[in-house]
Amino acid sequence: MRETEKNDVAHFAKIIKDIKFAMLTTREVGGNTLASRPMTLQQIEFDGDLWFFASWSSELVNQIENNPYVNLALSNPKDFSFLSAQGVAEVTTDEEKARQLWNPLYKAWFPEGLDDPSLCLLRVKIENADYWQSPDSAIVRLVGFAKAILTGQKVNSTLGKHGHLEIN
């Protein structure tokens, strides 16, 4: 891995460290319609891959097996950071990884736990991502919005720093 890729992986990991959910977008089978759904991130430490639990019988798995290219939209409202990540998804039954990531609360979806026959993992190998991070605190942003409303002028704010990351 090149040094810039190592730095990009580290920066991506820093941004997502407190993010719990992502909108995972796939392409519907037999068409060009995009389908998005919220997914819970299953992270221990980001190394270029993001992991999710899924069900073998889901439309999501069918869509990924048909076309593995996906997009993930992630945001952290606490620090006003946003990511749009592109990658290639793979459906797997990696039992060791499933044990690493398992939480007993998931029995609500997979009643037989790790032995549930419908349980599978999605591994998304992130290729690249765009991010936006605000350097301002929530209070500074709120004051800026209030000032714009009161003065009738456009808010003098941007989403802060924007960058592109090459991961894999």
Protein backbone atom coordinates (compact mmCIF):
# COMPACT_ATOMS: atom_id res chain seq x y z
CA MET A 1 0.00 0.00 0.00
CA ARG A 2 1.36 3.41 -0.98
CA GLU A 3 1.96 5.97 1.78
CA THR A 4 -0.87 8.20 0.51
CA GLU A 5 -3.25 5.21 0.60
CA LYS A 6 -2.19 4.49 4.20
CA ASN A 7 -2.92 8.11 5.09
CA ASP A 8 -6.27 7.97 3.28
CA VAL A 9 -7.25 4.77 5.12
CA ALA A 10 -6.29 6.41 8.43
CA HIS A 11 -8.29 9.55 7.59
CA PHE A 12 -11.34 7.47 6.56
CA ALA A 13 -11.07 5.48 9.80
CA LYS A 14 -10.93 8.68 11.85
CA ILE A 15 -14.05 10.08 10.18
CA ILE A 16 -16.15 6.91 10.61
CA LYS A 17 -14.99 5.96 14.11
CA ASP A 18 -18.21 7.21 15.76
CA ILE A 19 -20.60 6.48 12.89
CA LYS A 20 -22.96 3.58 13.55
CA PHE A 21 -25.17 3.56 10.45
CA ALA A 22 -24.76 3.91 6.69
CA MET A 23 -27.14 4.14 3.77
CA LEU A 24 -26.10 1.33 1.43
CA THR A 25 -27.09 1.87 -2.21
CA THR A 26 -27.25 -0.89 -4.81
CA ARG A 27 -28.69 -1.19 -8.31
CA GLU A 28 -31.95 -3.13 -8.63
CA VAL A 29 -31.73 -6.35 -10.65
CA GLY A 30 -32.68 -5.92 -14.30
CA GLY A 31 -32.78 -2.15 -14.29
CA ASN A 32 -31.10 1.11 -13.51
CA THR A 33 -33.14 2.01 -10.44
CA LEU A 34 -31.07 2.61 -7.33
CA ALA A 35 -32.15 1.10 -4.01
CA SER A 36 -30.91 2.40 -0.65
CA ARG A 37 -31.41 1.09 2.83
CA PRO A 38 -29.97 1.83 6.28
CA MET A 39 -27.43 -0.68 7.55
CA THR A 40 -25.59 -0.98 10.86
CA LEU A 41 -21.82 -0.76 10.54
CA GLN A 42 -19.98 -3.73 12.02
CA GLN A 43 -16.57 -2.28 12.72
CA ILE A 44 -13.70 -3.22 14.93
CA GLU A 45 -10.99 -1.34 13.12
CA PHE A 46 -11.18 0.02 9.58
CA ASP A 47 -8.62 -1.57 7.25
CA GLY A 48 -10.21 -0.73 3.90
CA ASP A 49 -13.29 -2.93 4.32
CA LEU A 50 -16.68 -2.24 5.90
CA TRP A 51 -18.79 -5.11 7.19
CA PHE A 52 -22.55 -5.61 7.56
CA PHE A 53 -24.81 -8.51 8.54
CA ALA A 54 -27.49 -9.47 6.01
CA SER A 55 -29.92 -12.25 5.19
CA TRP A 56 -29.33 -14.65 2.31
CA SER A 57 -32.97 -14.29 1.25
CA SER A 58 -32.89 -10.48 1.09
CA GLU A 59 -33.28 -8.42 -2.06
CA LEU A 60 -30.05 -6.68 -1.00
CA VAL A 61 -28.02 -9.90 -1.34
CA ASN A 62 -29.69 -10.64 -4.68
CA GLN A 63 -28.79 -7.16 -5.94
CA ILE A 64 -25.16 -7.44 -4.80
CA GLU A 65 -24.75 -10.85 -6.41
CA ASN A 66 -26.08 -9.33 -9.64
CA ASN A 67 -23.99 -6.14 -9.46
CA PRO A 68 -21.43 -5.76 -6.65
CA TYR A 69 -20.76 -2.02 -7.09
CA VAL A 70 -22.24 -0.06 -4.18
CA ASN A 71 -22.23 3.37 -2.61
CA LEU A 72 -22.33 4.14 1.09
CA ALA A 73 -23.52 7.45 2.51
CA LEU A 74 -22.37 8.09 6.07
CA SER A 75 -22.75 11.10 8.34
CA ASN A 76 -21.90 12.13 11.85
CA PRO A 77 -24.16 14.97 13.00
CA LYS A 78 -22.06 15.54 16.11
CA ASP A 79 -19.08 16.87 14.20
CA PHE A 80 -20.88 17.69 10.92
CA SER A 81 -18.85 15.23 8.84
CA PHE A 82 -20.10 13.40 5.77
CA LEU A 83 -18.75 10.61 3.57
CA SER A 84 -19.80 9.17 0.24
CA ALA A 85 -17.86 5.95 -0.31
CA GLN A 86 -17.79 3.75 -3.40
CA GLY A 87 -16.80 0.12 -3.27
CA VAL A 88 -17.33 -3.46 -4.31
CA ALA A 89 -19.50 -5.67 -2.11
CA GLU A 90 -19.12 -9.39 -1.57
CA VAL A 91 -21.48 -11.79 0.19
CA THR A 92 -19.61 -14.16 2.48
CA THR A 93 -20.09 -16.69 5.27
CA ASP A 94 -16.81 -15.95 7.04
CA GLU A 95 -17.62 -17.62 10.38
CA GLU A 96 -14.62 -16.19 12.21
CA LYS A 97 -15.48 -12.64 11.13
CA ALA A 98 -19.15 -13.20 12.05
CA ARG A 99 -18.08 -14.28 15.56
CA GLN A 100 -15.86 -11.19 15.87
CA LEU A 101 -18.68 -8.85 14.89
CA TRP A 102 -21.65 -10.61 16.50
CA ASN A 103 -23.83 -8.86 19.07
CA PRO A 104 -26.56 -10.80 20.92
CA LEU A 105 -29.06 -8.08 19.97
CA TYR A 106 -28.88 -9.36 16.38
CA LYS A 107 -30.95 -12.37 17.45
CA ALA A 108 -33.94 -10.12 16.78
CA TRP A 109 -33.16 -10.58 13.06
CA PHE A 110 -31.38 -13.92 13.25
CA PRO A 111 -33.19 -15.98 15.95
CA GLU A 112 -30.73 -18.87 15.76
CA GLY A 113 -27.80 -16.54 16.32
CA LEU A 114 -24.57 -17.33 14.54
CA ASP A 115 -26.06 -20.69 13.48
CA ASP A 116 -28.98 -19.05 11.69
CA PRO A 117 -29.03 -20.42 8.11
CA SER A 118 -30.12 -17.04 6.71
CA LEU A 119 -27.14 -15.19 8.23
CA CYS A 120 -24.45 -13.88 5.93
CA LEU A 121 -21.96 -11.03 5.91
CA LEU A 122 -21.46 -8.26 3.41
CA ARG A 123 -17.90 -7.14 2.97
CA VAL A 124 -17.59 -3.83 1.15
CA LYS A 125 -14.09 -3.19 -0.13
CA ILE A 126 -13.95 0.61 -0.23
CA GLU A 127 -12.24 1.90 -3.36
CA ASN A 128 -12.55 5.64 -2.82
CA ALA A 129 -14.54 8.22 -0.91
CA ASP A 130 -15.33 11.89 -0.83
CA TYR A 131 -15.68 13.61 2.51
CA TRP A 132 -16.82 16.92 3.90
CA GLN A 133 -15.91 18.11 7.38
CA SER A 134 -16.90 21.34 9.07
CA PRO A 135 -14.16 23.08 11.03
CA ASP A 136 -16.84 24.96 13.00
CA SER A 137 -18.64 23.80 16.12
CA ALA A 138 -22.40 23.32 16.10
CA ILE A 139 -22.84 26.59 18.00
CA VAL A 140 -20.79 28.56 15.46
CA ARG A 141 -22.85 27.06 12.63
CA LEU A 142 -26.11 27.82 14.45
CA VAL A 143 -25.08 31.45 15.06
CA GLY A 144 -24.17 31.76 11.37
CA PHE A 145 -27.57 30.43 10.29
CA ALA A 146 -29.40 32.71 12.74
CA LYS A 147 -27.41 35.73 11.53
CA ALA A 148 -28.28 34.92 7.92
CA ILE A 149 -31.98 34.62 8.73
CA LEU A 150 -32.05 37.85 10.76
CA THR A 151 -30.10 39.89 8.20
CA GLY A 152 -31.78 38.38 5.15
CA GLN A 153 -28.40 37.52 3.72
CA LYS A 154 -27.18 34.17 2.50
CA VAL A 155 -25.40 32.13 5.15
CA ASN A 156 -21.65 32.67 5.01
CA SER A 157 -20.76 29.06 5.58
CA THR A 158 -19.66 26.04 3.65
CA LEU A 159 -19.43 22.42 4.58
CA GLY A 160 -15.83 23.13 5.40
CA LYS A 161 -13.06 20.90 4.18
CA HIS A 162 -13.74 18.62 1.22
CA GLY A 163 -11.41 15.89 0.11
CA HIS A 164 -11.08 12.72 -1.92
CA LEU A 165 -9.61 9.51 -0.49
CA GLU A 166 -8.18 6.56 -2.42
CA ILE A 167 -8.55 3.46 -0.26
CA ASN A 168 -8.02 0.30 -2.33
